[in-house]
Amino acid sequence: MEKESQHNVQLKSMEVNKYQIIKRTSDIIVSSMLICCCIPVYLIISFWVAISSGRPVLFKQIRTGKGFRQFTIYKFRSMEQTSHLSDRHAYCWKEGVPDHFMFKTDFDETVTTVGKVLRKYSLDELPQLFNVLIGNMSIVGPRPEIPQITKHYSLYQSKRLMVKPGMTGYAQINGRSEISHGKKIEFDIYYVENQSFLLDIKIILSTIVLVVKGRGAF
């Protein structure tokens, strides 16, 4: 029984490694193709942002990735003011992030007219294809949080950082910004524990439908 159990563990480990290798290869191919296809879109949005609210066109922010490693995420700027984030999001939780917590920007009044459109259809996220190509993100995975939140994670909540963050994820197709932190953690950990190509495809297809409808964005 013990040998059979060890054999099953080895097989599962091999399957996971195979999945990770193929997923990374797919990320490189898909992100490269989409970046090439989106060049006209990048130019149009960059010009639109520049003439409507000036520079910079891109918004850069530190996020927490796999294994608590920090990286810089890229987005099209959608707000007039993008500084002092750490001051605006200073939390004092001592026993993990509360389940009822919902991350909402407290300065939505500074979202530009262009920014509202970009956010509604997630067009502001397109530069993250470069994050996927670089390798600090994947097409599918838990959305990356800011360090001001992840530093308060409990051991259970930290499980969502066992995989690379993604441009979209299981939590996104189940509510996006409309769900509480507790439900988001629940959905993300479900993904971590049940990763598969079929689940990834389901998430991608569902994301396309949600983005077209412009649902749950902020």
C-alpha atoms as a PDB file:
ATOM      1  CA  MET A   1       0.000   0.000   0.000  1.00  0.00           C
ATOM      2  CA  GLU A   2       2.822   2.378   0.874  1.00  0.00           C
ATOM      3  CA  LYS A   3       4.599   1.788  -2.449  1.00  0.00           C
ATOM      4  CA  GLU A   4       1.320   2.251  -4.327  1.00  0.00           C
ATOM      5  CA  SER A   5       0.707   5.506  -2.483  1.00  0.00           C
ATOM      6  CA  GLN A   6       4.217   6.780  -3.302  1.00  0.00           C
ATOM      7  CA  HIS A   7       3.707   5.787  -6.931  1.00  0.00           C
ATOM      8  CA  ASN A   8       0.433   7.749  -7.088  1.00  0.00           C
ATOM      9  CA  VAL A   9       2.142  10.795  -5.571  1.00  0.00           C
ATOM     10  CA  GLN A  10       4.919  10.585  -8.149  1.00  0.00           C
ATOM     11  CA  LEU A  11       2.402  10.306 -10.995  1.00  0.00           C
ATOM     12  CA  LYS A  12       0.478  13.305  -9.700  1.00  0.00           C
ATOM     13  CA  SER A  13       3.710  15.286  -9.381  1.00  0.00           C
ATOM     14  CA  MET A  14       4.644  14.419 -12.977  1.00  0.00           C
ATOM     15  CA  GLU A  15       1.206  15.494 -14.184  1.00  0.00           C
ATOM     16  CA  VAL A  16       1.503  18.802 -12.344  1.00  0.00           C
ATOM     17  CA  ASN A  17       4.975  19.446 -13.805  1.00  0.00           C
ATOM     18  CA  LYS A  18       3.730  18.589 -17.294  1.00  0.00           C
ATOM     19  CA  TYR A  19       0.772  20.928 -16.838  1.00  0.00           C
ATOM     20  CA  GLN A  20       3.034  23.758 -15.656  1.00  0.00           C
ATOM     21  CA  ILE A  21       5.445  23.325 -18.578  1.00  0.00           C
ATOM     22  CA  ILE A  22       2.662  23.268 -21.166  1.00  0.00           C
ATOM     23  CA  LYS A  23       0.895  26.180 -19.474  1.00  0.00           C
ATOM     24  CA  ARG A  24       4.050  28.314 -19.519  1.00  0.00           C
ATOM     25  CA  THR A  25       4.623  27.446 -23.173  1.00  0.00           C
ATOM     26  CA  SER A  26       1.016  28.354 -23.947  1.00  0.00           C
ATOM     27  CA  ASP A  27       1.390  31.636 -22.048  1.00  0.00           C
ATOM     28  CA  ILE A  28       4.405  32.601 -24.138  1.00  0.00           C
ATOM     29  CA  ILE A  29       2.730  31.712 -27.443  1.00  0.00           C
ATOM     30  CA  VAL A  30      -0.647  33.291 -26.630  1.00  0.00           C
ATOM     31  CA  SER A  31       0.775  36.488 -25.100  1.00  0.00           C
ATOM     32  CA  SER A  32       3.171  36.949 -28.030  1.00  0.00           C
ATOM     33  CA  MET A  33       0.375  36.531 -30.571  1.00  0.00           C
ATOM     34  CA  LEU A  34      -2.003  38.824 -28.697  1.00  0.00           C
ATOM     35  CA  ILE A  35       0.651  41.519 -28.246  1.00  0.00           C
ATOM     36  CA  CYS A  36       1.281  41.526 -31.997  1.00  0.00           C
ATOM     37  CA  CYS A  37      -2.453  41.622 -32.758  1.00  0.00           C
ATOM     38  CA  CYS A  38      -3.065  44.362 -30.191  1.00  0.00           C
ATOM     39  CA  ILE A  39      -0.392  46.793 -31.404  1.00  0.00           C
ATOM     40  CA  PRO A  40      -3.009  49.007 -33.141  1.00  0.00           C
ATOM     41  CA  VAL A  41      -5.158  48.872 -29.986  1.00  0.00           C
ATOM     42  CA  TYR A  42      -2.165  49.806 -27.822  1.00  0.00           C
ATOM     43  CA  LEU A  43      -1.453  52.797 -30.045  1.00  0.00           C
ATOM     44  CA  ILE A  44      -5.072  53.983 -30.102  1.00  0.00           C
ATOM     45  CA  ILE A  45      -5.513  53.676 -26.325  1.00  0.00           C
ATOM     46  CA  SER A  46      -2.138  55.329 -25.659  1.00  0.00           C
ATOM     47  CA  PHE A  47      -3.068  58.267 -27.873  1.00  0.00           C
ATOM     48  CA  TRP A  48      -6.545  58.460 -26.293  1.00  0.00           C
ATOM     49  CA  VAL A  49      -5.152  58.525 -22.751  1.00  0.00           C
ATOM     50  CA  ALA A  50      -2.418  61.028 -23.649  1.00  0.00           C
ATOM     51  CA  ILE A  51      -4.701  63.600 -25.261  1.00  0.00           C
ATOM     52  CA  SER A  52      -7.422  63.253 -22.609  1.00  0.00           C
ATOM     53  CA  SER A  53      -5.357  63.344 -19.411  1.00  0.00           C
ATOM     54  CA  GLY A  54      -1.726  63.655 -20.404  1.00  0.00           C
ATOM     55  CA  ARG A  55       1.193  61.477 -19.424  1.00  0.00           C
ATOM     56  CA  PRO A  56       2.153  58.946 -18.256  1.00  0.00           C
ATOM     57  CA  VAL A  57       0.082  56.631 -20.409  1.00  0.00           C
ATOM     58  CA  LEU A  58       0.998  53.550 -18.397  1.00  0.00           C
ATOM     59  CA  PHE A  59       0.336  52.956 -14.721  1.00  0.00           C
ATOM     60  CA  LYS A  60       2.938  50.831 -12.907  1.00  0.00           C
ATOM     61  CA  GLN A  61       2.327  49.264  -9.527  1.00  0.00           C
ATOM     62  CA  ILE A  62       3.982  46.724  -7.244  1.00  0.00           C
ATOM     63  CA  ARG A  63       1.931  43.556  -6.760  1.00  0.00           C
ATOM     64  CA  THR A  64       2.521  40.281  -4.945  1.00  0.00           C
ATOM     65  CA  GLY A  65       3.083  37.212  -7.097  1.00  0.00           C
ATOM     66  CA  LYS A  66       3.771  33.540  -6.602  1.00  0.00           C
ATOM     67  CA  GLY A  67       5.475  32.749  -3.309  1.00  0.00           C
ATOM     68  CA  PHE A  68       5.075  36.359  -2.092  1.00  0.00           C
ATOM     69  CA  ARG A  69       7.576  37.559  -4.719  1.00  0.00           C
ATOM     70  CA  GLN A  70       6.852  41.141  -5.716  1.00  0.00           C
ATOM     71  CA  PHE A  71       6.797  42.396  -9.300  1.00  0.00           C
ATOM     72  CA  THR A  72       5.700  45.422 -11.296  1.00  0.00           C
ATOM     73  CA  ILE A  73       2.358  45.178 -13.025  1.00  0.00           C
ATOM     74  CA  TYR A  74       1.482  47.302 -16.066  1.00  0.00           C
ATOM     75  CA  LYS A  75      -1.870  48.884 -16.895  1.00  0.00           C
ATOM     76  CA  PHE A  76      -3.128  51.763 -18.981  1.00  0.00           C
ATOM     77  CA  ARG A  77      -3.605  54.718 -16.651  1.00  0.00           C
ATOM     78  CA  SER A  78      -7.278  55.252 -15.876  1.00  0.00           C
ATOM     79  CA  MET A  79      -7.063  57.845 -13.082  1.00  0.00           C
ATOM     80  CA  GLU A  80      -5.952  61.427 -12.783  1.00  0.00           C
ATOM     81  CA  GLN A  81      -3.958  60.681  -9.632  1.00  0.00           C
ATOM     82  CA  THR A  82      -2.051  57.435  -9.232  1.00  0.00           C
ATOM     83  CA  SER A  83       0.333  58.251  -6.404  1.00  0.00           C
ATOM     84  CA  HIS A  84       0.291  57.673  -2.637  1.00  0.00           C
ATOM     85  CA  LEU A  85      -1.403  54.298  -2.919  1.00  0.00           C
ATOM     86  CA  SER A  86       0.397  52.988   0.141  1.00  0.00           C
ATOM     87  CA  ASP A  87      -1.001  55.888   2.184  1.00  0.00           C
ATOM     88  CA  ARG A  88      -4.530  55.295   0.978  1.00  0.00           C
ATOM     89  CA  HIS A  89      -4.366  51.561   1.649  1.00  0.00           C
ATOM     90  CA  ALA A  90      -2.787  51.186   5.062  1.00  0.00           C
ATOM     91  CA  TYR A  91      -4.441  48.289   6.898  1.00  0.00           C
ATOM     92  CA  CYS A  92      -4.024  47.073  10.477  1.00  0.00           C
ATOM     93  CA  TRP A  93      -5.464  43.558  10.368  1.00  0.00           C
ATOM     94  CA  LYS A  94      -3.892  41.084  12.801  1.00  0.00           C
ATOM     95  CA  GLU A  95      -5.670  37.798  11.998  1.00  0.00           C
ATOM     96  CA  GLY A  96      -5.686  37.708   8.234  1.00  0.00           C
ATOM     97  CA  VAL A  97      -7.680  39.825   5.802  1.00  0.00           C
ATOM     98  CA  PRO A  98     -11.340  39.947   6.943  1.00  0.00           C
ATOM     99  CA  ASP A  99     -13.699  37.849   4.833  1.00  0.00           C
ATOM    100  CA  HIS A 100     -16.119  40.769   4.490  1.00  0.00           C
ATOM    101  CA  PHE A 101     -13.443  43.092   3.098  1.00  0.00           C
ATOM    102  CA  MET A 102     -14.100  44.395  -0.414  1.00  0.00           C
ATOM    103  CA  PHE A 103     -11.320  46.239  -2.232  1.00  0.00           C
ATOM    104  CA  LYS A 104     -12.793  49.395  -3.685  1.00  0.00           C
ATOM    105  CA  THR A 105     -10.736  52.422  -4.625  1.00  0.00           C
ATOM    106  CA  ASP A 106     -11.664  55.284  -2.359  1.00  0.00           C
ATOM    107  CA  PHE A 107     -10.835  57.868  -5.002  1.00  0.00           C
ATOM    108  CA  ASP A 108     -13.082  56.797  -7.902  1.00  0.00           C
ATOM    109  CA  GLU A 109     -13.877  60.473  -8.437  1.00  0.00           C
ATOM    110  CA  THR A 110     -10.445  60.748 -10.054  1.00  0.00           C
ATOM    111  CA  VAL A 111     -11.177  58.072 -12.653  1.00  0.00           C
ATOM    112  CA  THR A 112     -11.074  59.738 -16.042  1.00  0.00           C
ATOM    113  CA  THR A 113     -13.816  59.523 -18.644  1.00  0.00           C
ATOM    114  CA  VAL A 114     -11.512  57.400 -20.787  1.00  0.00           C
ATOM    115  CA  GLY A 115     -10.585  55.367 -17.731  1.00  0.00           C
ATOM    116  CA  LYS A 116     -14.200  54.424 -17.062  1.00  0.00           C
ATOM    117  CA  VAL A 117     -14.484  52.940 -20.542  1.00  0.00           C
ATOM    118  CA  LEU A 118     -11.128  51.152 -20.256  1.00  0.00           C
ATOM    119  CA  ARG A 119     -12.078  49.674 -16.880  1.00  0.00           C
ATOM    120  CA  LYS A 120     -15.555  48.613 -17.919  1.00  0.00           C
ATOM    121  CA  TYR A 121     -14.193  46.441 -20.709  1.00  0.00           C
ATOM    122  CA  SER A 122     -10.881  45.609 -18.969  1.00  0.00           C
ATOM    123  CA  LEU A 123      -8.910  47.296 -21.745  1.00  0.00           C
ATOM    124  CA  ASP A 124      -6.680  48.887 -19.112  1.00  0.00           C
ATOM    125  CA  GLU A 125      -5.382  45.377 -18.360  1.00  0.00           C
ATOM    126  CA  LEU A 126      -4.012  44.723 -21.859  1.00  0.00           C
ATOM    127  CA  PRO A 127      -0.410  45.760 -21.009  1.00  0.00           C
ATOM    128  CA  GLN A 128      -0.318  42.812 -18.597  1.00  0.00           C
ATOM    129  CA  LEU A 129       0.247  40.605 -21.630  1.00  0.00           C
ATOM    130  CA  PHE A 130       3.860  41.760 -21.268  1.00  0.00           C
ATOM    131  CA  ASN A 131       3.812  40.531 -17.649  1.00  0.00           C
ATOM    132  CA  VAL A 132       2.673  37.157 -18.975  1.00  0.00           C
ATOM    133  CA  LEU A 133       5.393  37.122 -21.624  1.00  0.00           C
ATOM    134  CA  ILE A 134       8.058  38.044 -19.042  1.00  0.00           C
ATOM    135  CA  GLY A 135       6.855  35.250 -16.800  1.00  0.00           C
ATOM    136  CA  ASN A 136       5.691  36.911 -13.595  1.00  0.00           C
ATOM    137  CA  MET A 137       2.045  36.388 -14.552  1.00  0.00           C
ATOM    138  CA  SER A 138      -0.038  33.836 -16.429  1.00  0.00           C
ATOM    139  CA  ILE A 139      -3.126  34.191 -18.597  1.00  0.00           C
ATOM    140  CA  VAL A 140      -5.142  32.345 -15.921  1.00  0.00           C
ATOM    141  CA  GLY A 141      -4.561  32.519 -12.177  1.00  0.00           C
ATOM    142  CA  PRO A 142      -5.601  34.467  -9.074  1.00  0.00           C
ATOM    143  CA  ARG A 143      -5.523  38.215  -9.636  1.00  0.00           C
ATOM    144  CA  PRO A 144      -2.410  39.779  -8.035  1.00  0.00           C
ATOM    145  CA  GLU A 145      -3.012  41.815  -4.884  1.00  0.00           C
ATOM    146  CA  ILE A 146      -1.043  44.782  -3.558  1.00  0.00           C
ATOM    147  CA  PRO A 147       1.560  44.031  -0.831  1.00  0.00           C
ATOM    148  CA  GLN A 148      -0.398  46.206   1.614  1.00  0.00           C
ATOM    149  CA  ILE A 149      -3.036  43.454   1.600  1.00  0.00           C
ATOM    150  CA  THR A 150      -1.004  40.268   1.112  1.00  0.00           C
ATOM    151  CA  LYS A 151       1.300  41.033   4.038  1.00  0.00           C
ATOM    152  CA  HIS A 152      -1.734  40.429   6.271  1.00  0.00           C
ATOM    153  CA  TYR A 153      -2.648  37.054   4.744  1.00  0.00           C
ATOM    154  CA  SER A 154      -3.332  34.155   7.070  1.00  0.00           C
ATOM    155  CA  LEU A 155      -1.735  30.781   6.309  1.00  0.00           C
ATOM    156  CA  TYR A 156      -4.933  29.683   4.570  1.00  0.00           C
ATOM    157  CA  GLN A 157      -5.187  32.856   2.493  1.00  0.00           C
ATOM    158  CA  SER A 158      -1.538  32.477   1.470  1.00  0.00           C
ATOM    159  CA  LYS A 159      -2.461  29.339  -0.506  1.00  0.00           C
ATOM    160  CA  ARG A 160      -3.642  31.546  -3.365  1.00  0.00           C
ATOM    161  CA  LEU A 161      -0.003  32.594  -3.818  1.00  0.00           C
ATOM    162  CA  MET A 162       1.117  29.040  -4.579  1.00  0.00           C
ATOM    163  CA  VAL A 163       0.617  29.715  -8.303  1.00  0.00           C
ATOM    164  CA  LYS A 164       1.394  32.601 -10.622  1.00  0.00           C
ATOM    165  CA  PRO A 165      -1.178  35.395 -10.632  1.00  0.00           C
ATOM    166  CA  GLY A 166      -3.252  35.712 -13.770  1.00  0.00           C
ATOM    167  CA  MET A 167      -4.895  38.278 -16.025  1.00  0.00           C
ATOM    168  CA  THR A 168      -8.136  36.483 -15.219  1.00  0.00           C
ATOM    169  CA  GLY A 169      -9.089  33.772 -12.783  1.00  0.00           C
ATOM    170  CA  TYR A 170     -11.801  31.638 -11.246  1.00  0.00           C
ATOM    171  CA  ALA A 171     -12.846  34.440  -8.887  1.00  0.00           C
ATOM    172  CA  GLN A 172     -13.183  36.836 -11.838  1.00  0.00           C
ATOM    173  CA  ILE A 173     -15.776  34.682 -13.596  1.00  0.00           C
ATOM    174  CA  ASN A 174     -17.680  34.372 -10.330  1.00  0.00           C
ATOM    175  CA  GLY A 175     -18.164  38.021  -9.530  1.00  0.00           C
ATOM    176  CA  ARG A 176     -15.020  40.014 -10.369  1.00  0.00           C
ATOM    177  CA  SER A 177     -15.004  43.103  -8.125  1.00  0.00           C
ATOM    178  CA  GLU A 178     -18.508  42.426  -6.780  1.00  0.00           C
ATOM    179  CA  ILE A 179     -17.538  39.650  -4.355  1.00  0.00           C
ATOM    180  CA  SER A 180     -16.050  39.858  -0.866  1.00  0.00           C
ATOM    181  CA  HIS A 181     -12.444  38.985  -0.093  1.00  0.00           C
ATOM    182  CA  GLY A 182     -13.559  35.773   1.633  1.00  0.00           C
ATOM    183  CA  LYS A 183     -15.364  34.508  -1.481  1.00  0.00           C
ATOM    184  CA  LYS A 184     -12.444  35.552  -3.685  1.00  0.00           C
ATOM    185  CA  ILE A 185     -10.029  33.556  -1.518  1.00  0.00           C
ATOM    186  CA  GLU A 186     -12.412  30.587  -1.649  1.00  0.00           C
ATOM    187  CA  PHE A 187     -12.607  30.678  -5.453  1.00  0.00           C
ATOM    188  CA  ASP A 188      -8.858  31.236  -5.875  1.00  0.00           C
ATOM    189  CA  ILE A 189      -7.922  28.338  -3.600  1.00  0.00           C
ATOM    190  CA  TYR A 190     -10.390  26.132  -5.457  1.00  0.00           C
ATOM    191  CA  TYR A 191      -8.462  26.985  -8.614  1.00  0.00           C
ATOM    192  CA  VAL A 192      -5.094  26.288  -6.983  1.00  0.00           C
ATOM    193  CA  GLU A 193      -6.295  22.860  -5.869  1.00  0.00           C
ATOM    194  CA  ASN A 194      -8.060  21.961  -9.132  1.00  0.00           C
ATOM    195  CA  GLN A 195      -5.862  23.388 -11.899  1.00  0.00           C
ATOM    196  CA  SER A 196      -6.393  21.811 -15.290  1.00  0.00           C
ATOM    197  CA  PHE A 197      -6.439  22.757 -18.959  1.00  0.00           C
ATOM    198  CA  LEU A 198     -10.219  22.307 -19.078  1.00  0.00           C
ATOM    199  CA  LEU A 199     -10.692  24.672 -16.135  1.00  0.00           C
ATOM    200  CA  ASP A 200      -8.341  27.224 -17.736  1.00  0.00           C
ATOM    201  CA  ILE A 201     -10.314  27.100 -20.994  1.00  0.00           C
ATOM    202  CA  LYS A 202     -13.600  27.473 -19.099  1.00  0.00           C
ATOM    203  CA  ILE A 203     -12.243  30.531 -17.286  1.00  0.00           C
ATOM    204  CA  ILE A 204     -10.941  32.138 -20.493  1.00  0.00           C
ATOM    205  CA  LEU A 205     -14.237  31.636 -22.364  1.00  0.00           C
ATOM    206  CA  SER A 206     -16.297  32.901 -19.418  1.00  0.00           C
ATOM    207  CA  THR A 207     -13.993  35.924 -19.108  1.00  0.00           C
ATOM    208  CA  ILE A 208     -14.550  36.853 -22.753  1.00  0.00           C
ATOM    209  CA  VAL A 209     -18.322  36.826 -22.198  1.00  0.00           C
ATOM    210  CA  LEU A 210     -18.041  38.968 -19.047  1.00  0.00           C
ATOM    211  CA  VAL A 211     -15.682  41.473 -20.653  1.00  0.00           C
ATOM    212  CA  VAL A 212     -17.963  41.900 -23.689  1.00  0.00           C
ATOM    213  CA  LYS A 213     -20.889  42.541 -21.339  1.00  0.00           C
ATOM    214  CA  GLY A 214     -18.775  44.849 -19.173  1.00  0.00           C
ATOM    215  CA  ARG A 215     -20.000  43.205 -15.973  1.00  0.00           C
ATOM    216  CA  GLY A 216     -18.424  43.470 -12.506  1.00  0.00           C
ATOM    217  CA  ALA A 217     -15.661  45.912 -13.422  1.00  0.00           C
ATOM    218  CA  PHE A 218     -14.607  48.979 -11.425  1.00  0.00           C
END
